[in-house]
């Protein structure tokens, strides 16, 4: 009781430290509840919150109707399933080998501290990722 999962398998994810993230994130795969993205979505993050969203009016409207908790960066994940494909179904898309995903909203179920009304994931297809100054993914390819 109290645990959850989804299929297909194939992701490693964490709840980032709340209110610490800053920068721009460009999502180019899919985004719940939209599905497959026709255009890239650019999110500006300040102190862990979305302060600007460009590229999709429908998604912008979704976030605007909620408060600070729902616009809080709540998850960072890396896809590890070599058979998964980008289809527009975020639950599969976030598992694609070498992709990453970020989410906003609720994260109490996996170690976070943010209780929110939503949990919306966005998938980045071929990211470059650094952790503690070490690059671990380059254009969707694992380096470690």
C-alpha atoms as a PDB file:
ATOM      1  CA  UNK A   1       0.000   0.000   0.000  1.00  0.00           C
ATOM      2  CA  UNK A   2       1.127   3.529  -0.768  1.00  0.00           C
ATOM      3  CA  UNK A   3       3.455   2.598  -3.636  1.00  0.00           C
ATOM      4  CA  UNK A   4       2.876   3.026  -7.344  1.00  0.00           C
ATOM      5  CA  UNK A   5       4.456   2.298 -10.699  1.00  0.00           C
ATOM      6  CA  UNK A   6       3.595   2.409 -14.387  1.00  0.00           C
ATOM      7  CA  UNK A   7       4.437   0.495 -17.530  1.00  0.00           C
ATOM      8  CA  UNK A   8       6.533   0.177 -19.547  1.00  0.00           C
ATOM      9  CA  UNK A   9       9.457   0.092 -17.129  1.00  0.00           C
ATOM     10  CA  UNK A  10      12.565   2.112 -17.808  1.00  0.00           C
ATOM     11  CA  UNK A  11      13.289   5.291 -15.895  1.00  0.00           C
ATOM     12  CA  UNK A  12      15.343   6.584 -13.009  1.00  0.00           C
ATOM     13  CA  UNK A  13      13.900   9.687 -11.378  1.00  0.00           C
ATOM     14  CA  UNK A  14      14.279  11.916  -8.349  1.00  0.00           C
ATOM     15  CA  UNK A  15      12.520  14.810  -6.673  1.00  0.00           C
ATOM     16  CA  UNK A  16      14.841  17.826  -6.999  1.00  0.00           C
ATOM     17  CA  UNK A  17      15.457  20.121  -4.048  1.00  0.00           C
ATOM     18  CA  UNK A  18      12.508  22.489  -4.012  1.00  0.00           C
ATOM     19  CA  UNK A  19      12.934  26.158  -4.930  1.00  0.00           C
ATOM     20  CA  UNK A  20      16.578  25.821  -6.029  1.00  0.00           C
ATOM     21  CA  UNK A  21      16.420  25.351  -9.830  1.00  0.00           C
ATOM     22  CA  UNK A  22      17.003  28.222 -12.249  1.00  0.00           C
ATOM     23  CA  UNK A  23      17.330  28.406 -16.012  1.00  0.00           C
ATOM     24  CA  UNK A  24      15.556  27.584 -19.250  1.00  0.00           C
ATOM     25  CA  UNK A  25      14.259  24.155 -20.241  1.00  0.00           C
ATOM     26  CA  UNK A  26      13.298  23.359 -23.839  1.00  0.00           C
ATOM     27  CA  UNK A  27      10.864  20.440 -24.108  1.00  0.00           C
ATOM     28  CA  UNK A  28      10.655  18.889 -27.588  1.00  0.00           C
ATOM     29  CA  UNK A  29       9.071  15.443 -27.174  1.00  0.00           C
ATOM     30  CA  UNK A  30       5.730  15.428 -25.417  1.00  0.00           C
ATOM     31  CA  UNK A  31       4.067  17.162 -22.507  1.00  0.00           C
ATOM     32  CA  UNK A  32       1.103  16.019 -20.436  1.00  0.00           C
ATOM     33  CA  UNK A  33      -1.792  16.693 -20.994  1.00  0.00           C
ATOM     34  CA  UNK A  34      -1.027  17.825 -24.579  1.00  0.00           C
ATOM     35  CA  UNK A  35       0.758  14.697 -25.822  1.00  0.00           C
ATOM     36  CA  UNK A  36       3.178  14.887 -28.767  1.00  0.00           C
ATOM     37  CA  UNK A  37       4.485  18.424 -29.279  1.00  0.00           C
ATOM     38  CA  UNK A  38       4.399  19.984 -32.748  1.00  0.00           C
ATOM     39  CA  UNK A  39       6.570  22.867 -31.520  1.00  0.00           C
ATOM     40  CA  UNK A  40       9.177  23.150 -28.792  1.00  0.00           C
ATOM     41  CA  UNK A  41       8.028  24.505 -25.429  1.00  0.00           C
ATOM     42  CA  UNK A  42      10.447  26.791 -23.572  1.00  0.00           C
ATOM     43  CA  UNK A  43      10.041  27.109 -19.813  1.00  0.00           C
ATOM     44  CA  UNK A  44      11.860  29.733 -17.778  1.00  0.00           C
ATOM     45  CA  UNK A  45      12.431  28.530 -14.207  1.00  0.00           C
ATOM     46  CA  UNK A  46      13.284  30.825 -11.277  1.00  0.00           C
ATOM     47  CA  UNK A  47      13.675  29.437  -7.772  1.00  0.00           C
ATOM     48  CA  UNK A  48      12.049  26.191  -8.858  1.00  0.00           C
ATOM     49  CA  UNK A  49       8.924  27.814 -10.365  1.00  0.00           C
ATOM     50  CA  UNK A  50       7.740  28.282 -13.936  1.00  0.00           C
ATOM     51  CA  UNK A  51       7.766  32.047 -14.531  1.00  0.00           C
ATOM     52  CA  UNK A  52       7.363  31.914 -18.316  1.00  0.00           C
ATOM     53  CA  UNK A  53       6.132  29.304 -20.802  1.00  0.00           C
ATOM     54  CA  UNK A  54       6.420  29.860 -24.571  1.00  0.00           C
ATOM     55  CA  UNK A  55       5.507  27.689 -27.539  1.00  0.00           C
ATOM     56  CA  UNK A  56       2.130  26.190 -26.597  1.00  0.00           C
ATOM     57  CA  UNK A  57      -0.882  28.320 -25.667  1.00  0.00           C
ATOM     58  CA  UNK A  58      -2.929  25.343 -24.449  1.00  0.00           C
ATOM     59  CA  UNK A  59      -0.211  24.227 -22.024  1.00  0.00           C
ATOM     60  CA  UNK A  60       0.311  27.811 -20.869  1.00  0.00           C
ATOM     61  CA  UNK A  61      -3.424  28.043 -20.095  1.00  0.00           C
ATOM     62  CA  UNK A  62      -3.256  24.820 -18.053  1.00  0.00           C
ATOM     63  CA  UNK A  63      -0.475  26.153 -15.819  1.00  0.00           C
ATOM     64  CA  UNK A  64      -2.033  29.632 -15.512  1.00  0.00           C
ATOM     65  CA  UNK A  65      -5.192  28.261 -13.925  1.00  0.00           C
ATOM     66  CA  UNK A  66      -3.189  26.733 -11.056  1.00  0.00           C
ATOM     67  CA  UNK A  67      -1.032  28.207  -8.309  1.00  0.00           C
ATOM     68  CA  UNK A  68       2.615  28.148  -7.268  1.00  0.00           C
ATOM     69  CA  UNK A  69       2.566  24.518  -6.067  1.00  0.00           C
ATOM     70  CA  UNK A  70       1.422  23.287  -9.493  1.00  0.00           C
ATOM     71  CA  UNK A  71       4.137  25.315 -11.250  1.00  0.00           C
ATOM     72  CA  UNK A  72       6.906  23.905  -9.012  1.00  0.00           C
ATOM     73  CA  UNK A  73       9.599  21.740 -10.614  1.00  0.00           C
ATOM     74  CA  UNK A  74       9.015  18.395  -8.896  1.00  0.00           C
ATOM     75  CA  UNK A  75      10.807  15.667 -10.874  1.00  0.00           C
ATOM     76  CA  UNK A  76      13.890  14.979 -12.965  1.00  0.00           C
ATOM     77  CA  UNK A  77      14.075  11.620 -14.715  1.00  0.00           C
ATOM     78  CA  UNK A  78      16.236   9.761 -17.221  1.00  0.00           C
ATOM     79  CA  UNK A  79      14.833   7.221 -19.684  1.00  0.00           C
ATOM     80  CA  UNK A  80      16.545   3.815 -19.764  1.00  0.00           C
ATOM     81  CA  UNK A  81      14.320   1.619 -21.986  1.00  0.00           C
ATOM     82  CA  UNK A  82      15.905   0.914 -25.416  1.00  0.00           C
ATOM     83  CA  UNK A  83      12.562  -0.356 -26.811  1.00  0.00           C
ATOM     84  CA  UNK A  84      10.443   2.680 -25.828  1.00  0.00           C
ATOM     85  CA  UNK A  85       9.561   5.218 -28.535  1.00  0.00           C
ATOM     86  CA  UNK A  86       8.228   8.780 -28.549  1.00  0.00           C
ATOM     87  CA  UNK A  87       4.530   8.313 -29.302  1.00  0.00           C
ATOM     88  CA  UNK A  88       2.803  11.211 -27.557  1.00  0.00           C
ATOM     89  CA  UNK A  89       1.921   9.019 -24.563  1.00  0.00           C
ATOM     90  CA  UNK A  90       4.062  10.586 -21.844  1.00  0.00           C
ATOM     91  CA  UNK A  91       4.155   7.380 -19.769  1.00  0.00           C
ATOM     92  CA  UNK A  92       6.067   5.656 -22.584  1.00  0.00           C
ATOM     93  CA  UNK A  93       7.872   8.724 -23.894  1.00  0.00           C
ATOM     94  CA  UNK A  94       9.624   9.397 -20.576  1.00  0.00           C
ATOM     95  CA  UNK A  95      11.166   5.914 -20.718  1.00  0.00           C
ATOM     96  CA  UNK A  96      12.988   6.348 -24.073  1.00  0.00           C
ATOM     97  CA  UNK A  97      16.682   5.503 -23.662  1.00  0.00           C
ATOM     98  CA  UNK A  98      18.735   8.699 -23.392  1.00  0.00           C
ATOM     99  CA  UNK A  99      15.759  11.016 -23.024  1.00  0.00           C
ATOM    100  CA  UNK A 100      15.061  13.011 -19.901  1.00  0.00           C
ATOM    101  CA  UNK A 101      11.871  14.337 -18.434  1.00  0.00           C
ATOM    102  CA  UNK A 102      10.952  17.031 -16.000  1.00  0.00           C
ATOM    103  CA  UNK A 103       7.655  17.416 -14.202  1.00  0.00           C
ATOM    104  CA  UNK A 104       5.783  20.101 -12.342  1.00  0.00           C
ATOM    105  CA  UNK A 105       3.403  19.715  -9.420  1.00  0.00           C
ATOM    106  CA  UNK A 106       2.879  16.882  -6.951  1.00  0.00           C
ATOM    107  CA  UNK A 107       5.840  14.770  -5.787  1.00  0.00           C
ATOM    108  CA  UNK A 108       5.065  13.502  -2.280  1.00  0.00           C
ATOM    109  CA  UNK A 109       4.969   9.892  -3.521  1.00  0.00           C
ATOM    110  CA  UNK A 110       8.687   9.764  -4.353  1.00  0.00           C
ATOM    111  CA  UNK A 111      10.504  11.813  -1.762  1.00  0.00           C
ATOM    112  CA  UNK A 112       9.495  15.364  -2.573  1.00  0.00           C
ATOM    113  CA  UNK A 113       7.816  17.944  -0.362  1.00  0.00           C
ATOM    114  CA  UNK A 114       5.383  19.512  -2.837  1.00  0.00           C
ATOM    115  CA  UNK A 115       1.692  18.702  -2.473  1.00  0.00           C
ATOM    116  CA  UNK A 116      -0.152  19.889  -5.582  1.00  0.00           C
ATOM    117  CA  UNK A 117      -3.315  19.218  -7.572  1.00  0.00           C
ATOM    118  CA  UNK A 118      -1.454  18.090 -10.709  1.00  0.00           C
ATOM    119  CA  UNK A 119       1.702  16.313 -11.879  1.00  0.00           C
ATOM    120  CA  UNK A 120       2.599  17.121 -15.494  1.00  0.00           C
ATOM    121  CA  UNK A 121       5.646  15.655 -17.267  1.00  0.00           C
ATOM    122  CA  UNK A 122       7.573  17.074 -20.233  1.00  0.00           C
ATOM    123  CA  UNK A 123       9.970  14.930 -22.301  1.00  0.00           C
ATOM    124  CA  UNK A 124      13.219  16.093 -23.908  1.00  0.00           C
ATOM    125  CA  UNK A 125      14.315  13.739 -26.703  1.00  0.00           C
ATOM    126  CA  UNK A 126      18.103  14.154 -27.064  1.00  0.00           C
ATOM    127  CA  UNK A 127      19.357  16.186 -24.110  1.00  0.00           C
ATOM    128  CA  UNK A 128      22.813  16.960 -22.831  1.00  0.00           C
ATOM    129  CA  UNK A 129      23.010  16.578 -19.039  1.00  0.00           C
ATOM    130  CA  UNK A 130      25.637  17.535 -16.476  1.00  0.00           C
ATOM    131  CA  UNK A 131      25.541  16.530 -12.814  1.00  0.00           C
ATOM    132  CA  UNK A 132      28.044  18.095 -10.432  1.00  0.00           C
ATOM    133  CA  UNK A 133      30.084  19.441 -13.355  1.00  0.00           C
ATOM    134  CA  UNK A 134      30.326  15.980 -15.016  1.00  0.00           C
ATOM    135  CA  UNK A 135      28.548  15.433 -18.303  1.00  0.00           C
ATOM    136  CA  UNK A 136      26.597  12.166 -18.172  1.00  0.00           C
ATOM    137  CA  UNK A 137      24.491  12.452 -21.355  1.00  0.00           C
ATOM    138  CA  UNK A 138      25.466  14.132 -24.629  1.00  0.00           C
ATOM    139  CA  UNK A 139      22.739  14.589 -27.251  1.00  0.00           C
ATOM    140  CA  UNK A 140      20.829  11.600 -25.867  1.00  0.00           C
ATOM    141  CA  UNK A 141      23.852   9.272 -25.543  1.00  0.00           C
ATOM    142  CA  UNK A 142      25.090   8.070 -22.154  1.00  0.00           C
ATOM    143  CA  UNK A 143      28.732   8.929 -21.426  1.00  0.00           C
ATOM    144  CA  UNK A 144      29.075   6.930 -18.211  1.00  0.00           C
END
